[in-house]
Amino acid sequence: MNIKINHRYYYWGTMLPLLAMIVYTYSEYKDQEAIIDRMHKVGNRQLEVMATSYAELVSLQAMRHTDEILKIEEHHKQEIKELIEFYTED
């Protein structure tokens, strides 16, 4: 009977620290999961702000290019008109 009790002490002496370690590891896992989720949310928010900013920059750049193309077209039309007038004068 004395040997049986010693085995039980040994069993519980090993199982309790093992269970405590498993519970601790699980709590650390959950804590890390929450931290990583928060980092993803913050990162996504930063990407969204950057994308909005770059979309505005691209939009402004497209408007500038459109204005420049219109100016060049008008200048080209004016030059063609001048050439036609010059060569049709007799």
Protein backbone atom coordinates (compact mmCIF):
# COMPACT_ATOMS: atom_id res chain seq x y z
CA MET A 1 0.00 0.00 0.00
CA ASN A 2 2.86 2.35 0.73
CA ILE A 3 4.27 1.80 -2.79
CA LYS A 4 0.86 2.55 -4.34
CA ILE A 5 0.67 5.91 -2.52
CA ASN A 6 4.18 6.82 -3.67
CA HIS A 7 3.17 6.14 -7.29
CA ARG A 8 0.18 8.41 -6.90
CA TYR A 9 2.35 11.22 -5.51
CA TYR A 10 4.74 10.74 -8.40
CA TYR A 11 1.85 10.71 -10.88
CA TRP A 12 0.22 13.86 -9.52
CA GLY A 13 3.61 15.46 -8.95
CA THR A 14 4.25 15.16 -12.69
CA MET A 15 0.74 15.74 -14.01
CA LEU A 16 -0.01 18.97 -12.10
CA PRO A 17 3.07 20.86 -13.36
CA LEU A 18 2.40 19.48 -16.85
CA LEU A 19 -1.21 20.67 -16.76
CA ALA A 20 -0.11 24.03 -15.35
CA MET A 21 2.39 24.36 -18.21
CA ILE A 22 -0.28 23.50 -20.79
CA VAL A 23 -2.69 26.08 -19.30
CA TYR A 24 0.08 28.70 -19.21
CA THR A 25 1.04 27.96 -22.83
CA TYR A 26 -2.59 28.23 -23.92
CA SER A 27 -3.01 31.58 -22.14
CA GLU A 28 0.17 32.89 -23.80
CA TYR A 29 -1.16 31.66 -27.16
CA LYS A 30 -4.44 33.54 -26.65
CA ASP A 31 -2.54 36.67 -25.57
CA GLN A 32 -0.31 36.51 -28.65
CA GLU A 33 -3.36 35.92 -30.84
CA ALA A 34 -4.97 39.10 -29.50
CA ILE A 35 -1.76 41.07 -30.05
CA ILE A 36 -1.43 39.78 -33.62
CA ASP A 37 -5.08 40.57 -34.39
CA ARG A 38 -4.58 44.12 -33.14
CA MET A 39 -1.43 44.48 -35.24
CA HIS A 40 -3.36 43.30 -38.33
CA LYS A 41 -6.14 45.82 -37.68
CA VAL A 42 -3.64 48.66 -37.24
CA GLY A 43 -1.69 47.56 -40.32
CA ASN A 44 -4.85 47.36 -42.41
CA ARG A 45 -5.88 50.82 -41.24
CA GLN A 46 -2.46 52.19 -42.20
CA LEU A 47 -2.68 50.54 -45.61
CA GLU A 48 -6.15 51.98 -46.13
CA VAL A 49 -4.94 55.49 -45.30
CA MET A 50 -1.93 55.09 -47.61
CA ALA A 51 -4.13 53.75 -50.42
CA THR A 52 -6.52 56.68 -50.05
CA SER A 53 -3.64 59.13 -50.08
CA TYR A 54 -2.06 57.56 -53.16
CA ALA A 55 -5.43 57.39 -54.91
CA GLU A 56 -5.81 61.14 -54.38
CA LEU A 57 -2.29 61.73 -55.70
CA VAL A 58 -2.96 59.61 -58.77
CA SER A 59 -6.23 61.44 -59.36
CA LEU A 60 -4.49 64.82 -59.15
CA GLN A 61 -1.74 63.59 -61.47
CA ALA A 62 -4.34 62.38 -63.98
CA MET A 63 -6.08 65.77 -63.88
CA ARG A 64 -2.75 67.54 -64.49
CA HIS A 65 -1.99 65.26 -67.42
CA THR A 66 -5.45 65.82 -68.85
CA ASP A 67 -4.98 69.59 -68.62
CA GLU A 68 -1.56 69.33 -70.24
CA ILE A 69 -2.91 67.17 -73.08
CA LEU A 70 -5.74 69.66 -73.70
CA LYS A 71 -3.25 72.54 -73.83
CA ILE A 72 -1.05 70.64 -76.27
CA GLU A 73 -4.07 69.77 -78.45
CA GLU A 74 -5.17 73.41 -78.57
CA HIS A 75 -1.63 74.53 -79.41
CA HIS A 76 -1.43 71.88 -82.14
CA LYS A 77 -4.76 73.00 -83.62
CA GLN A 78 -3.59 76.59 -83.60
CA GLU A 79 -0.34 75.69 -85.37
CA ILE A 80 -2.20 73.68 -88.02
CA LYS A 81 -4.58 76.59 -88.53
CA GLU A 82 -1.64 78.97 -88.99
CA LEU A 83 0.02 76.60 -91.46
CA ILE A 84 -3.18 76.24 -93.47
CA GLU A 85 -3.58 80.03 -93.58
CA PHE A 86 0.05 80.50 -94.58
CA TYR A 87 -0.01 78.00 -97.43
CA THR A 88 -3.46 78.94 -98.72
CA GLU A 89 -2.62 82.61 -99.11
CA ASP A 90 -2.09 83.47 -102.74
